[in-house]
């Protein structure tokens, strides 16, 4: 899957920055995911919601990017919530125990507290 890219969308809603990437996060896209995610988290207000609805798969490098984004958020006082994971992502989050590290919400509204 050489040359694969992620599609990014961001929006501000309810005092939170909604950050959404679509595609597979694997060896060919993990660096792009990490760089963009950290950049968006650092620019976010007090809350950042990472919308996982468009993520088909995430490798361990993608999970590492989530960890690095969380560290960036801690430096800027931004809380990160993961939202709308599909069944594959729910399983990946559970196996890696990232569902214990991050709050995981079923909807964007729940993630931003509305």
Protein backbone atom coordinates (compact mmCIF):
# COMPACT_ATOMS: atom_id res chain seq x y z
CA UNK A 1 0.00 0.00 0.00
CA UNK A 2 2.78 2.37 -0.86
CA UNK A 3 1.77 5.99 -1.26
CA UNK A 4 -1.40 5.58 0.82
CA UNK A 5 -2.71 8.75 2.38
CA UNK A 6 -5.16 9.61 5.09
CA UNK A 7 -8.00 12.06 4.55
CA UNK A 8 -8.25 14.63 7.35
CA UNK A 9 -11.18 16.72 8.55
CA UNK A 10 -11.26 19.02 11.55
CA UNK A 11 -13.97 21.18 13.03
CA UNK A 12 -14.68 23.09 16.20
CA UNK A 13 -17.85 22.08 18.05
CA UNK A 14 -19.01 22.65 21.61
CA UNK A 15 -15.65 24.00 22.74
CA UNK A 16 -13.80 21.00 21.37
CA UNK A 17 -11.70 20.33 18.32
CA UNK A 18 -12.98 17.31 16.39
CA UNK A 19 -10.09 15.62 14.56
CA UNK A 20 -10.98 12.92 12.05
CA UNK A 21 -8.75 10.87 9.80
CA UNK A 22 -10.05 8.30 7.35
CA UNK A 23 -8.24 5.24 6.05
CA UNK A 24 -5.82 2.64 7.35
CA UNK A 25 -3.12 3.57 9.81
CA UNK A 26 -0.26 1.24 8.98
CA UNK A 27 3.42 1.46 8.08
CA UNK A 28 2.75 3.70 5.08
CA UNK A 29 0.52 6.21 6.90
CA UNK A 30 1.61 6.12 10.56
CA UNK A 31 4.11 8.99 10.27
CA UNK A 32 1.51 11.24 8.60
CA UNK A 33 -1.04 10.26 11.25
CA UNK A 34 1.38 11.04 14.11
CA UNK A 35 2.52 14.39 12.68
CA UNK A 36 -0.97 15.66 11.86
CA UNK A 37 -2.54 14.36 15.05
CA UNK A 38 0.05 16.02 17.32
CA UNK A 39 -0.23 19.27 15.35
CA UNK A 40 -4.02 19.31 15.70
CA UNK A 41 -3.94 18.38 19.40
CA UNK A 42 -1.45 21.16 20.17
CA UNK A 43 -3.72 23.67 18.39
CA UNK A 44 -6.91 22.38 20.05
CA UNK A 45 -8.76 24.14 22.84
CA UNK A 46 -9.13 22.36 26.20
CA UNK A 47 -10.73 19.29 24.57
CA UNK A 48 -9.79 17.30 21.50
CA UNK A 49 -11.98 14.52 20.14
CA UNK A 50 -10.29 12.02 17.86
CA UNK A 51 -13.08 10.69 15.65
CA UNK A 52 -12.18 7.10 14.77
CA UNK A 53 -15.26 6.38 12.63
CA UNK A 54 -13.25 6.52 9.39
CA UNK A 55 -10.32 4.43 10.62
CA UNK A 56 -10.46 0.93 9.14
CA UNK A 57 -7.38 -0.40 10.92
CA UNK A 58 -4.61 0.86 13.20
CA UNK A 59 -1.20 -0.75 13.64
CA UNK A 60 0.96 -0.47 16.74
CA UNK A 61 2.60 2.60 15.18
CA UNK A 62 -0.82 4.27 15.08
CA UNK A 63 -1.33 3.42 18.73
CA UNK A 64 2.06 4.95 19.51
CA UNK A 65 0.88 8.11 17.72
CA UNK A 66 -2.11 8.23 20.09
CA UNK A 67 0.29 8.00 23.04
CA UNK A 68 2.44 10.82 21.66
CA UNK A 69 -0.66 12.94 20.99
CA UNK A 70 -1.76 12.38 24.57
CA UNK A 71 1.63 13.59 25.82
CA UNK A 72 1.34 16.67 23.59
CA UNK A 73 -2.13 17.26 25.00
CA UNK A 74 -0.84 17.02 28.56
CA UNK A 75 1.79 19.66 27.76
CA UNK A 76 -0.89 22.07 26.49
CA UNK A 77 -3.65 21.11 28.93
CA UNK A 78 -5.77 19.42 26.27
CA UNK A 79 -7.89 16.41 27.19
CA UNK A 80 -8.24 13.79 24.43
CA UNK A 81 -11.30 11.61 23.97
CA UNK A 82 -11.57 8.87 21.34
CA UNK A 83 -14.97 8.71 19.64
CA UNK A 84 -17.00 6.45 17.36
CA UNK A 85 -14.64 3.49 16.96
CA UNK A 86 -15.93 0.73 14.66
CA UNK A 87 -15.85 -2.89 15.82
CA UNK A 88 -12.31 -3.45 14.51
CA UNK A 89 -11.04 -0.37 16.31
CA UNK A 90 -12.91 -1.32 19.51
CA UNK A 91 -11.12 -4.66 19.44
CA UNK A 92 -7.71 -3.04 18.79
CA UNK A 93 -8.30 -0.56 21.65
CA UNK A 94 -9.37 -3.37 23.99
CA UNK A 95 -6.48 -5.72 23.13
CA UNK A 96 -3.94 -2.91 23.53
CA UNK A 97 -5.79 -1.69 26.67
CA UNK A 98 -5.95 1.80 25.19
CA UNK A 99 -9.62 1.79 26.18
CA UNK A 100 -8.27 2.01 29.74
CA UNK A 101 -5.90 4.88 28.90
CA UNK A 102 -8.35 7.01 26.91
CA UNK A 103 -12.02 7.74 27.42
CA UNK A 104 -13.88 6.17 24.50
CA UNK A 105 -17.25 7.64 23.53
CA UNK A 106 -19.90 6.17 21.24
CA UNK A 107 -20.82 9.56 19.74
CA UNK A 108 -19.21 12.94 19.16
CA UNK A 109 -21.89 14.52 21.37
CA UNK A 110 -21.00 12.20 24.24
CA UNK A 111 -17.30 12.91 23.68
CA UNK A 112 -17.79 16.67 24.00
CA UNK A 113 -20.25 16.29 26.87
CA UNK A 114 -23.44 17.41 25.10
